[in-house]
Protein backbone atom coordinates (compact mmCIF):
# COMPACT_ATOMS: atom_id res chain seq x y z
CA MET A 1 82.91 88.15 77.46
CA ASP A 2 80.92 85.91 79.81
CA LEU A 3 82.58 83.35 82.09
CA ASN A 4 81.79 80.32 79.94
CA ARG A 5 83.11 82.00 76.80
CA GLU A 6 86.28 83.03 78.70
CA HIS A 7 86.80 79.41 79.80
CA GLU A 8 86.37 78.16 76.24
CA TYR A 9 88.68 80.83 74.89
CA LEU A 10 91.41 80.01 77.44
CA ARG A 11 91.22 76.24 76.70
CA ALA A 12 91.78 76.88 73.01
CA CYS A 13 94.10 79.90 72.83
CA SER A 14 97.84 80.00 72.33
CA SER A 15 100.30 80.71 75.14
CA GLU A 16 100.83 84.19 73.74
CA ALA A 17 97.09 84.87 73.67
CA ALA A 18 96.73 83.62 77.24
CA CYS A 19 99.53 85.96 78.34
CA GLN A 20 97.77 88.89 76.59
CA TYR A 21 94.50 87.85 78.28
CA LEU A 22 96.15 87.99 81.74
CA ALA A 23 97.72 91.35 80.96
CA THR A 24 94.31 92.71 79.92
CA LYS A 25 92.78 91.43 83.20
CA VAL A 26 95.56 93.09 85.18
CA ARG A 27 95.02 96.38 83.33
CA GLN A 28 91.30 96.18 84.10
CA TRP A 29 92.04 95.63 87.82
CA ARG A 30 94.60 98.43 87.85
CA ARG A 31 92.10 100.83 86.35
CA ARG A 32 89.37 99.68 88.71
CA GLU A 33 91.69 100.57 91.56
CA SER A 34 92.36 103.96 89.91
CA LEU A 35 96.11 103.31 89.79
CA SER A 36 98.48 104.59 87.15
CA GLN A 37 100.98 102.26 85.57
CA ALA A 38 103.71 104.03 87.49
CA GLU A 39 101.91 103.57 90.79
CA LEU A 40 101.33 99.85 90.20
CA ALA A 41 104.90 99.32 89.03
CA THR A 42 106.13 101.00 92.21
CA ARG A 43 103.87 98.87 94.43
CA ALA A 44 104.98 95.72 92.58
CA GLU A 45 108.62 96.80 92.88
CA VAL A 46 109.25 96.34 89.19
CA PRO A 47 110.66 98.90 86.70
CA LEU A 48 107.97 100.94 84.98
CA ARG A 49 109.27 99.88 81.55
CA THR A 50 108.95 96.18 82.55
CA TYR A 51 105.38 96.75 83.77
CA LYS A 52 104.40 98.64 80.63
CA ARG A 53 105.81 95.83 78.49
CA PHE A 54 103.71 93.30 80.42
CA GLU A 55 100.54 95.30 80.22
CA THR A 56 100.94 96.18 76.55
CA HIS A 57 102.34 92.95 75.14
CA GLY A 58 101.62 90.36 77.85
CA LYS A 59 105.34 89.71 78.23
CA ALA A 60 106.76 89.23 81.70
CA ASN A 61 108.58 86.60 83.68
CA LEU A 62 106.72 84.66 86.37
CA VAL A 63 108.35 86.62 89.16
CA THR A 64 107.16 89.91 87.69
CA PHE A 65 103.66 88.51 87.19
CA ILE A 66 103.47 87.35 90.84
CA GLN A 67 104.77 90.71 92.06
CA VAL A 68 102.07 92.51 90.02
CA LEU A 69 99.38 90.18 91.40
CA GLY A 70 100.67 90.87 94.91
CA ALA A 71 100.50 94.64 94.33
CA LEU A 72 96.87 94.17 93.29
CA GLY A 73 96.10 91.99 96.25
CA ARG A 74 95.31 88.97 94.01
CA THR A 75 97.87 86.33 95.00
CA GLN A 76 95.35 84.52 97.22
CA TYR A 77 93.82 83.14 94.07
CA LEU A 78 96.92 81.38 92.83
CA PHE A 79 95.94 78.21 94.69
CA MET A 80 93.12 77.83 92.17
CA LEU A 81 95.64 76.95 89.50
CA PHE A 82 96.27 73.60 91.18
CA PRO A 83 93.26 72.73 93.31
CA THR A 84 93.47 69.86 95.74
CA PRO A 85 91.93 66.76 94.22
CA VAL A 86 88.63 65.67 95.76
CA ALA A 87 89.13 62.57 97.85
CA HIS A 88 87.85 59.33 96.38
CA ARG A 89 84.17 59.07 96.97
CA PRO A 90 83.00 55.49 97.42
CA SER A 91 80.50 54.17 94.90
CA VAL A 92 77.03 53.15 96.01
CA ASP A 93 78.13 49.51 96.07
CA GLU A 94 81.18 50.31 98.21
CA ARG A 95 79.02 52.28 100.60
CA LEU A 96 76.52 49.40 100.90
CA LYS A 97 79.37 47.00 101.65
CA GLN A 98 80.53 49.32 104.44
CA LEU A 99 77.04 49.38 105.93
CA ALA A 100 76.47 45.60 105.75
CA PRO A 101 76.55 43.92 109.16
CA THR A 102 79.71 42.07 109.92
CA LYS A 103 79.64 38.49 111.21
CA PHE A 104 81.41 37.85 114.53
CA LYS A 105 82.81 34.55 115.42
CA ALA A 106 81.53 33.20 118.70
């Protein structure tokens, strides 16, 4: 699935489908790192049964999910969930007013 299709899918999917999507992504990263489920569960400090339930069904609490992300070295991307808003950029008219010479009283 390409990036645009993933974005479209995530905008339209249910909460359950989004959880399953995240679990699938975690499984892909775990396999890319050549880790077993048991190894990742140990690194994440979660019970193996809990980890398996997450990976299979997409069911986990937020703490477990964060611990798994940490074990995969992915927590640095959490800030992207709530990006800092871009500061107000002045319109062209506002910029022109700022550039206009000011009159000084003599």
